[in-house]
């Protein structure tokens, strides 16, 4: 059952080590942002909600990572939509911190309304996920990875094998999500008056490295 994971982990230590290091650094940067939000001298409802949403997004990304090293990249799409929602919610409250009260009183707008308000860039991706990943679908896009096309007759693959190409592509997508979380997290830090040059420079350098590796 763990064969694909074991091969993936071996690859992350060898042929995909550079890519893996970029992903791990992204998680570490989010943890640094969270620590800064935790240790504010004067924490507010905004800083606490922003921290919670940031870490939730990071946990979702960790779930995506765990699935892709199992060869379950398509199934990981089910976690991608709430990850996007985390990013967009951070943007929503960062633009107007008073909106935190909507969240605390359980009166926040719908996901679609939030995306429209912030002029989000994930509309097409969300539409694709709704059709093929967020809900059970037997569309070709949702199910083709389960079919063994090397066989003459219809045969369903019982296990998803390792693919370096697929793993790298999925890590590229994960890097994008981690970057958006870091970006929105730094904006929230800035709203709290705690965005230091150190963390800003670290994220910029990480972005440049990741952009080079995953281009």
C-alpha atoms as a PDB file:
ATOM      1  CA  UNK A   1       0.000   0.000   0.000  1.00  0.00           C
ATOM      2  CA  UNK A   2       2.886   2.367   0.727  1.00  0.00           C
ATOM      3  CA  UNK A   3       5.020   1.563  -2.331  1.00  0.00           C
ATOM      4  CA  UNK A   4       4.292   4.791  -4.211  1.00  0.00           C
ATOM      5  CA  UNK A   5       4.901   6.895  -1.112  1.00  0.00           C
ATOM      6  CA  UNK A   6       8.241   5.188  -0.459  1.00  0.00           C
ATOM      7  CA  UNK A   7       9.431   5.771  -4.036  1.00  0.00           C
ATOM      8  CA  UNK A   8       8.240   9.392  -3.895  1.00  0.00           C
ATOM      9  CA  UNK A   9      10.067  10.017  -0.616  1.00  0.00           C
ATOM     10  CA  UNK A  10      13.238   8.537  -2.111  1.00  0.00           C
ATOM     11  CA  UNK A  11      12.877  10.868  -5.101  1.00  0.00           C
ATOM     12  CA  UNK A  12      12.339  13.872  -2.815  1.00  0.00           C
ATOM     13  CA  UNK A  13      15.721  13.066  -1.274  1.00  0.00           C
ATOM     14  CA  UNK A  14      17.479  12.627  -4.628  1.00  0.00           C
ATOM     15  CA  UNK A  15      16.230  13.661  -8.088  1.00  0.00           C
ATOM     16  CA  UNK A  16      13.555  16.023  -6.738  1.00  0.00           C
ATOM     17  CA  UNK A  17      15.486  17.238  -3.699  1.00  0.00           C
ATOM     18  CA  UNK A  18      15.695  20.839  -4.947  1.00  0.00           C
ATOM     19  CA  UNK A  19      11.931  20.916  -5.511  1.00  0.00           C
ATOM     20  CA  UNK A  20      11.281  19.308  -2.120  1.00  0.00           C
ATOM     21  CA  UNK A  21      13.503  21.829  -0.346  1.00  0.00           C
ATOM     22  CA  UNK A  22      11.503  24.682  -1.898  1.00  0.00           C
ATOM     23  CA  UNK A  23       8.237  23.161  -0.650  1.00  0.00           C
ATOM     24  CA  UNK A  24       9.582  22.555   2.856  1.00  0.00           C
ATOM     25  CA  UNK A  25      10.913  26.117   3.009  1.00  0.00           C
ATOM     26  CA  UNK A  26       7.435  27.389   2.096  1.00  0.00           C
ATOM     27  CA  UNK A  27       5.922  25.575   5.062  1.00  0.00           C
ATOM     28  CA  UNK A  28       8.676  26.958   7.317  1.00  0.00           C
ATOM     29  CA  UNK A  29       7.985  30.522   6.137  1.00  0.00           C
ATOM     30  CA  UNK A  30       4.288  30.156   6.919  1.00  0.00           C
ATOM     31  CA  UNK A  31       5.215  28.912  10.383  1.00  0.00           C
ATOM     32  CA  UNK A  32       7.426  31.986  10.864  1.00  0.00           C
ATOM     33  CA  UNK A  33       4.558  34.271   9.868  1.00  0.00           C
ATOM     34  CA  UNK A  34       2.253  32.426  12.275  1.00  0.00           C
ATOM     35  CA  UNK A  35       4.787  32.770  15.101  1.00  0.00           C
ATOM     36  CA  UNK A  36       4.976  36.518  14.512  1.00  0.00           C
ATOM     37  CA  UNK A  37       1.185  36.763  14.653  1.00  0.00           C
ATOM     38  CA  UNK A  38       1.177  34.668  17.815  1.00  0.00           C
ATOM     39  CA  UNK A  39       3.692  36.902  19.553  1.00  0.00           C
ATOM     40  CA  UNK A  40       2.190  40.327  18.891  1.00  0.00           C
ATOM     41  CA  UNK A  41       2.401  42.650  21.883  1.00  0.00           C
ATOM     42  CA  UNK A  42      -1.186  43.700  21.259  1.00  0.00           C
ATOM     43  CA  UNK A  43      -3.045  40.855  19.531  1.00  0.00           C
ATOM     44  CA  UNK A  44      -6.421  41.638  18.015  1.00  0.00           C
ATOM     45  CA  UNK A  45      -9.358  39.717  16.612  1.00  0.00           C
ATOM     46  CA  UNK A  46      -7.896  40.418  13.186  1.00  0.00           C
ATOM     47  CA  UNK A  47      -4.477  38.951  14.026  1.00  0.00           C
ATOM     48  CA  UNK A  48      -6.007  35.857  15.633  1.00  0.00           C
ATOM     49  CA  UNK A  49      -8.422  35.148  12.776  1.00  0.00           C
ATOM     50  CA  UNK A  50      -5.710  35.794  10.185  1.00  0.00           C
ATOM     51  CA  UNK A  51      -3.405  33.355  11.987  1.00  0.00           C
ATOM     52  CA  UNK A  52      -6.080  30.683  12.204  1.00  0.00           C
ATOM     53  CA  UNK A  53      -6.935  30.960   8.506  1.00  0.00           C
ATOM     54  CA  UNK A  54      -3.251  30.997   7.535  1.00  0.00           C
ATOM     55  CA  UNK A  55      -2.482  27.824   9.488  1.00  0.00           C
ATOM     56  CA  UNK A  56      -5.635  26.131   8.202  1.00  0.00           C
ATOM     57  CA  UNK A  57      -4.456  26.864   4.671  1.00  0.00           C
ATOM     58  CA  UNK A  58      -1.036  25.463   5.527  1.00  0.00           C
ATOM     59  CA  UNK A  59      -2.597  22.285   6.951  1.00  0.00           C
ATOM     60  CA  UNK A  60      -4.603  21.852   3.754  1.00  0.00           C
ATOM     61  CA  UNK A  61      -1.404  22.227   1.750  1.00  0.00           C
ATOM     62  CA  UNK A  62       0.202  19.580   3.951  1.00  0.00           C
ATOM     63  CA  UNK A  63      -2.725  17.304   3.161  1.00  0.00           C
ATOM     64  CA  UNK A  64      -2.227  17.959  -0.554  1.00  0.00           C
ATOM     65  CA  UNK A  65       1.463  17.136  -0.197  1.00  0.00           C
ATOM     66  CA  UNK A  66       0.681  13.848   1.546  1.00  0.00           C
ATOM     67  CA  UNK A  67      -1.730  12.853  -1.210  1.00  0.00           C
ATOM     68  CA  UNK A  68       0.549  13.733  -4.119  1.00  0.00           C
ATOM     69  CA  UNK A  69       3.425  11.646  -2.757  1.00  0.00           C
ATOM     70  CA  UNK A  70       0.942   8.761  -2.656  1.00  0.00           C
ATOM     71  CA  UNK A  71       0.302   9.308  -6.375  1.00  0.00           C
ATOM     72  CA  UNK A  72      -3.139  10.756  -5.632  1.00  0.00           C
ATOM     73  CA  UNK A  73      -2.712  14.132  -7.283  1.00  0.00           C
ATOM     74  CA  UNK A  74      -6.191  14.176  -8.798  1.00  0.00           C
ATOM     75  CA  UNK A  75      -7.797  13.342  -5.467  1.00  0.00           C
ATOM     76  CA  UNK A  76      -5.739  16.094  -3.840  1.00  0.00           C
ATOM     77  CA  UNK A  77      -7.862  18.508  -5.859  1.00  0.00           C
ATOM     78  CA  UNK A  78     -10.583  18.027  -3.256  1.00  0.00           C
ATOM     79  CA  UNK A  79      -8.334  19.910  -0.793  1.00  0.00           C
ATOM     80  CA  UNK A  80      -7.296  22.541  -3.295  1.00  0.00           C
ATOM     81  CA  UNK A  81     -10.641  24.342  -3.255  1.00  0.00           C
ATOM     82  CA  UNK A  82     -10.674  25.034   0.528  1.00  0.00           C
ATOM     83  CA  UNK A  83      -7.016  26.040   0.216  1.00  0.00           C
ATOM     84  CA  UNK A  84      -8.036  28.679  -2.314  1.00  0.00           C
ATOM     85  CA  UNK A  85     -10.842  29.743   0.018  1.00  0.00           C
ATOM     86  CA  UNK A  86      -8.264  30.239   2.784  1.00  0.00           C
ATOM     87  CA  UNK A  87      -6.149  32.444   0.525  1.00  0.00           C
ATOM     88  CA  UNK A  88      -9.121  34.505  -0.584  1.00  0.00           C
ATOM     89  CA  UNK A  89     -10.446  34.892   2.960  1.00  0.00           C
ATOM     90  CA  UNK A  90      -7.069  36.244   4.084  1.00  0.00           C
ATOM     91  CA  UNK A  91      -7.189  38.731   1.229  1.00  0.00           C
ATOM     92  CA  UNK A  92     -10.760  39.670   2.129  1.00  0.00           C
ATOM     93  CA  UNK A  93      -9.967  40.557   5.740  1.00  0.00           C
ATOM     94  CA  UNK A  94      -6.594  42.095   4.915  1.00  0.00           C
ATOM     95  CA  UNK A  95      -8.244  44.676   2.674  1.00  0.00           C
ATOM     96  CA  UNK A  96     -10.681  45.591   5.448  1.00  0.00           C
ATOM     97  CA  UNK A  97      -9.815  44.245   8.901  1.00  0.00           C
ATOM     98  CA  UNK A  98     -13.256  45.171  10.239  1.00  0.00           C
ATOM     99  CA  UNK A  99     -14.629  42.309   8.135  1.00  0.00           C
ATOM    100  CA  UNK A 100     -13.315  39.966  10.826  1.00  0.00           C
ATOM    101  CA  UNK A 101     -16.504  40.727  12.745  1.00  0.00           C
ATOM    102  CA  UNK A 102     -18.518  39.138   9.903  1.00  0.00           C
ATOM    103  CA  UNK A 103     -16.508  35.964  10.331  1.00  0.00           C
ATOM    104  CA  UNK A 104     -16.773  35.901  14.111  1.00  0.00           C
ATOM    105  CA  UNK A 105     -20.532  36.408  13.940  1.00  0.00           C
ATOM    106  CA  UNK A 106     -20.853  33.748  11.221  1.00  0.00           C
ATOM    107  CA  UNK A 107     -22.144  36.314   8.732  1.00  0.00           C
ATOM    108  CA  UNK A 108     -19.365  36.288   6.184  1.00  0.00           C
ATOM    109  CA  UNK A 109     -20.386  36.381   2.503  1.00  0.00           C
ATOM    110  CA  UNK A 110     -20.393  33.302   0.320  1.00  0.00           C
ATOM    111  CA  UNK A 111     -17.182  32.083  -1.275  1.00  0.00           C
ATOM    112  CA  UNK A 112     -18.301  33.457  -4.622  1.00  0.00           C
ATOM    113  CA  UNK A 113     -19.146  36.856  -3.158  1.00  0.00           C
ATOM    114  CA  UNK A 114     -15.772  37.058  -1.442  1.00  0.00           C
ATOM    115  CA  UNK A 115     -13.976  36.162  -4.685  1.00  0.00           C
ATOM    116  CA  UNK A 116     -15.926  38.850  -6.523  1.00  0.00           C
ATOM    117  CA  UNK A 117     -15.274  41.456  -3.830  1.00  0.00           C
ATOM    118  CA  UNK A 118     -11.512  40.918  -3.888  1.00  0.00           C
ATOM    119  CA  UNK A 119     -11.427  40.400  -7.667  1.00  0.00           C
ATOM    120  CA  UNK A 120      -9.922  36.957  -7.158  1.00  0.00           C
ATOM    121  CA  UNK A 121      -7.963  35.164  -9.843  1.00  0.00           C
ATOM    122  CA  UNK A 122      -9.074  31.588  -9.152  1.00  0.00           C
ATOM    123  CA  UNK A 123     -12.461  31.568 -10.929  1.00  0.00           C
ATOM    124  CA  UNK A 124     -11.451  29.213 -13.752  1.00  0.00           C
ATOM    125  CA  UNK A 125      -9.563  26.886 -11.426  1.00  0.00           C
ATOM    126  CA  UNK A 126     -12.470  26.777  -8.982  1.00  0.00           C
ATOM    127  CA  UNK A 127     -14.849  25.965 -11.840  1.00  0.00           C
ATOM    128  CA  UNK A 128     -12.583  23.121 -12.953  1.00  0.00           C
ATOM    129  CA  UNK A 129     -12.329  21.775  -9.404  1.00  0.00           C
ATOM    130  CA  UNK A 130     -16.092  21.939  -8.952  1.00  0.00           C
ATOM    131  CA  UNK A 131     -16.556  19.814 -12.044  1.00  0.00           C
ATOM    132  CA  UNK A 132     -13.757  17.293 -11.701  1.00  0.00           C
ATOM    133  CA  UNK A 133     -12.293  17.221  -8.172  1.00  0.00           C
ATOM    134  CA  UNK A 134     -14.341  18.805  -5.387  1.00  0.00           C
ATOM    135  CA  UNK A 135     -17.303  16.490  -6.001  1.00  0.00           C
ATOM    136  CA  UNK A 136     -17.488  12.911  -7.183  1.00  0.00           C
ATOM    137  CA  UNK A 137     -17.517  12.834 -10.969  1.00  0.00           C
ATOM    138  CA  UNK A 138     -17.014  10.126 -13.575  1.00  0.00           C
ATOM    139  CA  UNK A 139     -15.833  12.603 -16.195  1.00  0.00           C
ATOM    140  CA  UNK A 140     -12.750  11.637 -18.188  1.00  0.00           C
ATOM    141  CA  UNK A 141     -10.693  14.309 -16.424  1.00  0.00           C
ATOM    142  CA  UNK A 142     -11.680  12.904 -13.021  1.00  0.00           C
ATOM    143  CA  UNK A 143     -11.277   9.208 -13.782  1.00  0.00           C
ATOM    144  CA  UNK A 144      -8.759   8.700 -16.605  1.00  0.00           C
ATOM    145  CA  UNK A 145      -5.866   8.144 -14.184  1.00  0.00           C
ATOM    146  CA  UNK A 146      -7.724   5.062 -12.886  1.00  0.00           C
ATOM    147  CA  UNK A 147      -7.756   3.361 -16.280  1.00  0.00           C
ATOM    148  CA  UNK A 148      -4.884   1.201 -17.527  1.00  0.00           C
ATOM    149  CA  UNK A 149      -4.665   2.283 -21.155  1.00  0.00           C
ATOM    150  CA  UNK A 150      -1.858  -0.196 -21.846  1.00  0.00           C
ATOM    151  CA  UNK A 151      -4.338  -3.053 -21.677  1.00  0.00           C
ATOM    152  CA  UNK A 152      -6.511  -3.978 -24.663  1.00  0.00           C
ATOM    153  CA  UNK A 153      -9.549  -4.498 -22.480  1.00  0.00           C
ATOM    154  CA  UNK A 154     -10.972  -2.153 -19.863  1.00  0.00           C
ATOM    155  CA  UNK A 155      -8.907  -2.549 -16.699  1.00  0.00           C
ATOM    156  CA  UNK A 156      -9.051  -0.327 -13.633  1.00  0.00           C
ATOM    157  CA  UNK A 157      -5.763   0.457 -11.892  1.00  0.00           C
ATOM    158  CA  UNK A 158      -6.032  -0.607  -8.273  1.00  0.00           C
ATOM    159  CA  UNK A 159      -2.955   1.391  -7.246  1.00  0.00           C
ATOM    160  CA  UNK A 160      -1.585   4.698  -8.488  1.00  0.00           C
ATOM    161  CA  UNK A 161       2.072   4.292  -9.318  1.00  0.00           C
ATOM    162  CA  UNK A 162       4.949   6.735  -9.073  1.00  0.00           C
ATOM    163  CA  UNK A 163       5.528   9.290 -11.812  1.00  0.00           C
ATOM    164  CA  UNK A 164       8.366  11.787 -11.482  1.00  0.00           C
ATOM    165  CA  UNK A 165       6.739  14.054 -14.048  1.00  0.00           C
ATOM    166  CA  UNK A 166       3.388  14.064 -12.226  1.00  0.00           C
ATOM    167  CA  UNK A 167       4.974  14.536  -8.817  1.00  0.00           C
ATOM    168  CA  UNK A 168       6.996  17.515 -10.018  1.00  0.00           C
ATOM    169  CA  UNK A 169       3.915  19.060 -11.651  1.00  0.00           C
ATOM    170  CA  UNK A 170       1.929  18.635  -8.439  1.00  0.00           C
ATOM    171  CA  UNK A 171       4.758  20.150  -6.394  1.00  0.00           C
ATOM    172  CA  UNK A 172       4.702  23.119  -8.768  1.00  0.00           C
ATOM    173  CA  UNK A 173       1.008  23.643  -8.059  1.00  0.00           C
ATOM    174  CA  UNK A 174       1.613  23.275  -4.336  1.00  0.00           C
ATOM    175  CA  UNK A 175       4.375  25.879  -4.490  1.00  0.00           C
ATOM    176  CA  UNK A 176       1.878  28.332  -5.985  1.00  0.00           C
ATOM    177  CA  UNK A 177      -0.582  27.782  -3.142  1.00  0.00           C
ATOM    178  CA  UNK A 178       2.154  28.160  -0.523  1.00  0.00           C
ATOM    179  CA  UNK A 179       3.305  31.380  -2.144  1.00  0.00           C
ATOM    180  CA  UNK A 180      -0.186  32.890  -2.106  1.00  0.00           C
ATOM    181  CA  UNK A 181      -0.552  31.946   1.559  1.00  0.00           C
ATOM    182  CA  UNK A 182       2.811  33.530   2.383  1.00  0.00           C
ATOM    183  CA  UNK A 183       1.932  36.637   0.409  1.00  0.00           C
ATOM    184  CA  UNK A 184      -1.422  37.148   2.102  1.00  0.00           C
ATOM    185  CA  UNK A 185       0.124  36.300   5.452  1.00  0.00           C
ATOM    186  CA  UNK A 186       2.725  39.048   5.059  1.00  0.00           C
ATOM    187  CA  UNK A 187       0.019  41.558   4.146  1.00  0.00           C
ATOM    188  CA  UNK A 188      -1.814  40.622   7.324  1.00  0.00           C
ATOM    189  CA  UNK A 189       1.424  41.035   9.281  1.00  0.00           C
ATOM    190  CA  UNK A 190       1.857  44.437   7.691  1.00  0.00           C
ATOM    191  CA  UNK A 191      -1.642  45.390   8.852  1.00  0.00           C
ATOM    192  CA  UNK A 192      -0.528  44.508  12.371  1.00  0.00           C
ATOM    193  CA  UNK A 193       2.614  46.633  11.987  1.00  0.00           C
ATOM    194  CA  UNK A 194       4.876  43.588  12.334  1.00  0.00           C
ATOM    195  CA  UNK A 195       6.198  42.983   8.793  1.00  0.00           C
ATOM    196  CA  UNK A 196       9.966  42.927   9.230  1.00  0.00           C
ATOM    197  CA  UNK A 197      12.537  43.222   6.464  1.00  0.00           C
ATOM    198  CA  UNK A 198      13.879  39.778   7.404  1.00  0.00           C
ATOM    199  CA  UNK A 199      10.673  37.876   6.650  1.00  0.00           C
ATOM    200  CA  UNK A 200       9.902  39.972   3.565  1.00  0.00           C
ATOM    201  CA  UNK A 201      13.370  39.357   2.099  1.00  0.00           C
ATOM    202  CA  UNK A 202      13.194  35.651   2.965  1.00  0.00           C
ATOM    203  CA  UNK A 203       9.888  35.276   1.111  1.00  0.00           C
ATOM    204  CA  UNK A 204      11.146  37.240  -1.892  1.00  0.00           C
ATOM    205  CA  UNK A 205      14.249  35.067  -2.118  1.00  0.00           C
ATOM    206  CA  UNK A 206      12.182  31.902  -1.744  1.00  0.00           C
ATOM    207  CA  UNK A 207       9.814  33.079  -4.477  1.00  0.00           C
ATOM    208  CA  UNK A 208      12.714  33.696  -6.848  1.00  0.00           C
ATOM    209  CA  UNK A 209      14.215  30.266  -6.128  1.00  0.00           C
ATOM    210  CA  UNK A 210      10.871  28.556  -6.564  1.00  0.00           C
ATOM    211  CA  UNK A 211      10.137  30.437  -9.759  1.00  0.00           C
ATOM    212  CA  UNK A 212      13.454  29.265 -11.177  1.00  0.00           C
ATOM    213  CA  UNK A 213      13.006  25.654 -10.093  1.00  0.00           C
ATOM    214  CA  UNK A 214       9.356  25.282 -11.151  1.00  0.00           C
ATOM    215  CA  UNK A 215       9.411  27.374 -14.352  1.00  0.00           C
END
